[in-house]
Amino acid sequence: MSFLLADFLRGKKMIQCKDCELCETGPDDRRTFKCDPFTNIKEPECIAKWQLIRLDMLASSYREMLKWQEKLAPLQDKIFKYMQHEIEDIDESERWKIDDEDNKDGEEKNVQE
C-alpha cells in the first residue's frame, strides 16, 4: 500500500474504470468488465475494485434468494402442517396394533401367574 501513497503524492492518478480499455459501457450505461485478476489487471487498485464488484454481486444474489424464501415460506409452512397431520393420522391408525400387543402381553402374564 505504501507504493500507492507514493504514487498519489507524486501526482500519478489511478486509472478510472470508465477510462480503461478493459471496461465497456453498453447502451443502457451498464458496464462490462473484461479484466481478470489473474491475467490482465492494470493497477493494484483494480483488484480491490474487482473484489468489491464481486462482493456486491454476492450480496445481490443473497438478497434475491431471501426474497424467494419469503415468497415460499407460507407454502412451506402449509406443507409442514400437512405432513405433520398425515404423520399423526398414520400414528393414530396404527395405534390399535400397539394396544393389541400390550393387551396380549398383559393377558399372557396373567395366565402364566
C-alpha atoms as a PDB file:
ATOM      1  CA  MET A   1       0.000   0.000   0.000  1.00  0.00           C
ATOM      2  CA  SER A   2       2.913   2.361   0.575  1.00  0.00           C
ATOM      3  CA  PHE A   3       3.724   2.480  -3.166  1.00  0.00           C
ATOM      4  CA  LEU A   4       0.144   3.604  -3.836  1.00  0.00           C
ATOM      5  CA  LEU A   5       0.519   6.501  -1.440  1.00  0.00           C
ATOM      6  CA  ALA A   6       3.873   7.405  -3.005  1.00  0.00           C
ATOM      7  CA  ASP A   7       2.300   7.416  -6.491  1.00  0.00           C
ATOM      8  CA  PHE A   8      -0.544   9.589  -5.210  1.00  0.00           C
ATOM      9  CA  LEU A   9       1.856  12.056  -3.611  1.00  0.00           C
ATOM     10  CA  ARG A  10       3.856  12.282  -6.873  1.00  0.00           C
ATOM     11  CA  GLY A  11       0.656  13.186  -8.684  1.00  0.00           C
ATOM     12  CA  LYS A  12       0.138   9.909 -10.517  1.00  0.00           C
ATOM     13  CA  LYS A  13      -3.571   9.235 -10.694  1.00  0.00           C
ATOM     14  CA  MET A  14      -5.200   5.892 -10.748  1.00  0.00           C
ATOM     15  CA  ILE A  15      -6.882   4.850 -13.994  1.00  0.00           C
ATOM     16  CA  GLN A  16     -10.647   5.043 -13.626  1.00  0.00           C
ATOM     17  CA  CYS A  17     -12.583   2.016 -14.817  1.00  0.00           C
ATOM     18  CA  LYS A  18     -14.526   4.116 -17.321  1.00  0.00           C
ATOM     19  CA  ASP A  19     -11.212   5.136 -18.953  1.00  0.00           C
ATOM     20  CA  CYS A  20      -9.723   1.623 -19.045  1.00  0.00           C
ATOM     21  CA  GLU A  21      -9.737  -0.389 -22.282  1.00  0.00           C
ATOM     22  CA  LEU A  22     -10.893  -3.438 -20.308  1.00  0.00           C
ATOM     23  CA  CYS A  23     -14.187  -1.751 -19.413  1.00  0.00           C
ATOM     24  CA  GLU A  24     -17.014  -1.484 -21.914  1.00  0.00           C
ATOM     25  CA  THR A  25     -20.137   0.596 -21.406  1.00  0.00           C
ATOM     26  CA  GLY A  26     -23.313  -0.628 -23.063  1.00  0.00           C
ATOM     27  CA  PRO A  27     -26.158   1.467 -24.477  1.00  0.00           C
ATOM     28  CA  ASP A  28     -28.029   1.217 -21.175  1.00  0.00           C
ATOM     29  CA  ASP A  29     -24.960   2.569 -19.272  1.00  0.00           C
ATOM     30  CA  ARG A  30     -24.250  -0.872 -17.925  1.00  0.00           C
ATOM     31  CA  ARG A  31     -20.550  -1.594 -17.570  1.00  0.00           C
ATOM     32  CA  THR A  32     -18.951  -4.850 -18.611  1.00  0.00           C
ATOM     33  CA  PHE A  33     -15.524  -5.567 -17.174  1.00  0.00           C
ATOM     34  CA  LYS A  34     -13.131  -7.683 -19.216  1.00  0.00           C
ATOM     35  CA  CYS A  35     -10.437  -7.614 -16.561  1.00  0.00           C
ATOM     36  CA  ASP A  36      -9.360 -10.815 -14.851  1.00  0.00           C
ATOM     37  CA  PRO A  37      -7.402 -10.539 -11.592  1.00  0.00           C
ATOM     38  CA  PHE A  38      -5.235 -13.492 -12.609  1.00  0.00           C
ATOM     39  CA  THR A  39      -4.158 -12.311 -16.055  1.00  0.00           C
ATOM     40  CA  ASN A  40      -4.721  -8.701 -17.073  1.00  0.00           C
ATOM     41  CA  ILE A  41      -5.055  -6.269 -14.175  1.00  0.00           C
ATOM     42  CA  LYS A  42      -3.772  -2.780 -14.957  1.00  0.00           C
ATOM     43  CA  GLU A  43      -3.215  -1.473 -11.416  1.00  0.00           C
ATOM     44  CA  PRO A  44      -3.208  -2.907  -7.881  1.00  0.00           C
ATOM     45  CA  GLU A  45      -6.371  -0.927  -7.101  1.00  0.00           C
ATOM     46  CA  CYS A  46      -8.155  -2.883  -9.817  1.00  0.00           C
ATOM     47  CA  ILE A  47      -8.032  -5.989  -7.638  1.00  0.00           C
ATOM     48  CA  ALA A  48      -9.747  -4.152  -4.784  1.00  0.00           C
ATOM     49  CA  LYS A  49     -12.382  -2.808  -7.181  1.00  0.00           C
ATOM     50  CA  TRP A  50     -12.869  -6.254  -8.672  1.00  0.00           C
ATOM     51  CA  GLN A  51     -13.357  -7.697  -5.178  1.00  0.00           C
ATOM     52  CA  LEU A  52     -15.935  -5.007  -4.375  1.00  0.00           C
ATOM     53  CA  ILE A  53     -17.824  -5.756  -7.583  1.00  0.00           C
ATOM     54  CA  ARG A  54     -17.874  -9.480  -6.801  1.00  0.00           C
ATOM     55  CA  LEU A  55     -18.911  -8.832  -3.209  1.00  0.00           C
ATOM     56  CA  ASP A  56     -21.748  -6.638  -4.444  1.00  0.00           C
ATOM     57  CA  MET A  57     -22.858  -9.383  -6.830  1.00  0.00           C
ATOM     58  CA  LEU A  58     -22.777 -11.918  -3.991  1.00  0.00           C
ATOM     59  CA  ALA A  59     -24.823  -9.652  -1.715  1.00  0.00           C
ATOM     60  CA  SER A  60     -27.318  -9.032  -4.520  1.00  0.00           C
ATOM     61  CA  SER A  61     -27.716 -12.758  -5.130  1.00  0.00           C
ATOM     62  CA  TYR A  62     -28.237 -13.324  -1.419  1.00  0.00           C
ATOM     63  CA  ARG A  63     -30.955 -10.634  -1.298  1.00  0.00           C
ATOM     64  CA  GLU A  64     -32.736 -12.261  -4.253  1.00  0.00           C
ATOM     65  CA  MET A  65     -32.545 -15.643  -2.528  1.00  0.00           C
ATOM     66  CA  LEU A  66     -34.089 -14.140   0.612  1.00  0.00           C
ATOM     67  CA  LYS A  67     -36.927 -12.656  -1.454  1.00  0.00           C
ATOM     68  CA  TRP A  68     -37.697 -16.086  -2.924  1.00  0.00           C
ATOM     69  CA  GLN A  69     -37.507 -17.656   0.502  1.00  0.00           C
ATOM     70  CA  GLU A  70     -40.010 -15.103   1.836  1.00  0.00           C
ATOM     71  CA  LYS A  71     -42.362 -15.936  -1.033  1.00  0.00           C
ATOM     72  CA  LEU A  72     -42.051 -19.665  -0.406  1.00  0.00           C
ATOM     73  CA  ALA A  73     -42.304 -19.504   3.400  1.00  0.00           C
ATOM     74  CA  PRO A  74     -46.143 -19.645   3.568  1.00  0.00           C
ATOM     75  CA  LEU A  75     -46.227 -22.613   1.202  1.00  0.00           C
ATOM     76  CA  GLN A  76     -43.505 -24.335   3.185  1.00  0.00           C
ATOM     77  CA  ASP A  77     -45.481 -23.832   6.409  1.00  0.00           C
ATOM     78  CA  LYS A  78     -48.583 -25.352   4.783  1.00  0.00           C
ATOM     79  CA  ILE A  79     -46.584 -28.354   3.606  1.00  0.00           C
ATOM     80  CA  PHE A  80     -45.115 -28.885   7.095  1.00  0.00           C
ATOM     81  CA  LYS A  81     -48.564 -28.700   8.704  1.00  0.00           C
ATOM     82  CA  TYR A  82     -49.989 -31.113   6.137  1.00  0.00           C
ATOM     83  CA  MET A  83     -47.149 -33.573   6.648  1.00  0.00           C
ATOM     84  CA  GLN A  84     -47.494 -33.322  10.429  1.00  0.00           C
ATOM     85  CA  HIS A  85     -51.221 -34.017  10.129  1.00  0.00           C
ATOM     86  CA  GLU A  86     -50.572 -37.021   7.863  1.00  0.00           C
ATOM     87  CA  ILE A  87     -47.974 -38.434  10.252  1.00  0.00           C
ATOM     88  CA  GLU A  88     -50.354 -38.042  13.183  1.00  0.00           C
ATOM     89  CA  ASP A  89     -53.086 -39.814  11.182  1.00  0.00           C
ATOM     90  CA  ILE A  90     -50.748 -42.690  10.404  1.00  0.00           C
ATOM     91  CA  ASP A  91     -49.751 -42.953  14.070  1.00  0.00           C
ATOM     92  CA  GLU A  92     -53.411 -42.925  15.086  1.00  0.00           C
ATOM     93  CA  SER A  93     -54.304 -45.603  12.538  1.00  0.00           C
ATOM     94  CA  GLU A  94     -51.509 -47.879  13.767  1.00  0.00           C
ATOM     95  CA  ARG A  95     -52.197 -47.315  17.460  1.00  0.00           C
ATOM     96  CA  TRP A  96     -54.594 -50.277  17.546  1.00  0.00           C
ATOM     97  CA  LYS A  97     -51.681 -52.590  16.746  1.00  0.00           C
ATOM     98  CA  ILE A  98     -49.720 -51.347  19.725  1.00  0.00           C
ATOM     99  CA  ASP A  99     -52.769 -51.523  22.009  1.00  0.00           C
ATOM    100  CA  ASP A 100     -53.480 -55.146  20.942  1.00  0.00           C
ATOM    101  CA  GLU A 101     -49.870 -56.182  21.546  1.00  0.00           C
ATOM    102  CA  ASP A 102     -49.935 -54.620  25.019  1.00  0.00           C
ATOM    103  CA  ASN A 103     -53.199 -56.420  25.808  1.00  0.00           C
ATOM    104  CA  LYS A 104     -51.814 -59.776  24.625  1.00  0.00           C
ATOM    105  CA  ASP A 105     -48.670 -59.342  26.712  1.00  0.00           C
ATOM    106  CA  GLY A 106     -50.781 -58.458  29.754  1.00  0.00           C
ATOM    107  CA  GLU A 107     -53.064 -61.477  29.239  1.00  0.00           C
ATOM    108  CA  GLU A 108     -50.091 -63.831  28.818  1.00  0.00           C
ATOM    109  CA  LYS A 109     -48.567 -62.587  32.077  1.00  0.00           C
ATOM    110  CA  ASN A 110     -51.901 -63.101  33.888  1.00  0.00           C
ATOM    111  CA  VAL A 111     -52.234 -66.633  32.516  1.00  0.00           C
ATOM    112  CA  GLN A 112     -48.679 -67.597  33.459  1.00  0.00           C
ATOM    113  CA  GLU A 113     -49.048 -66.341  37.018  1.00  0.00           C
END
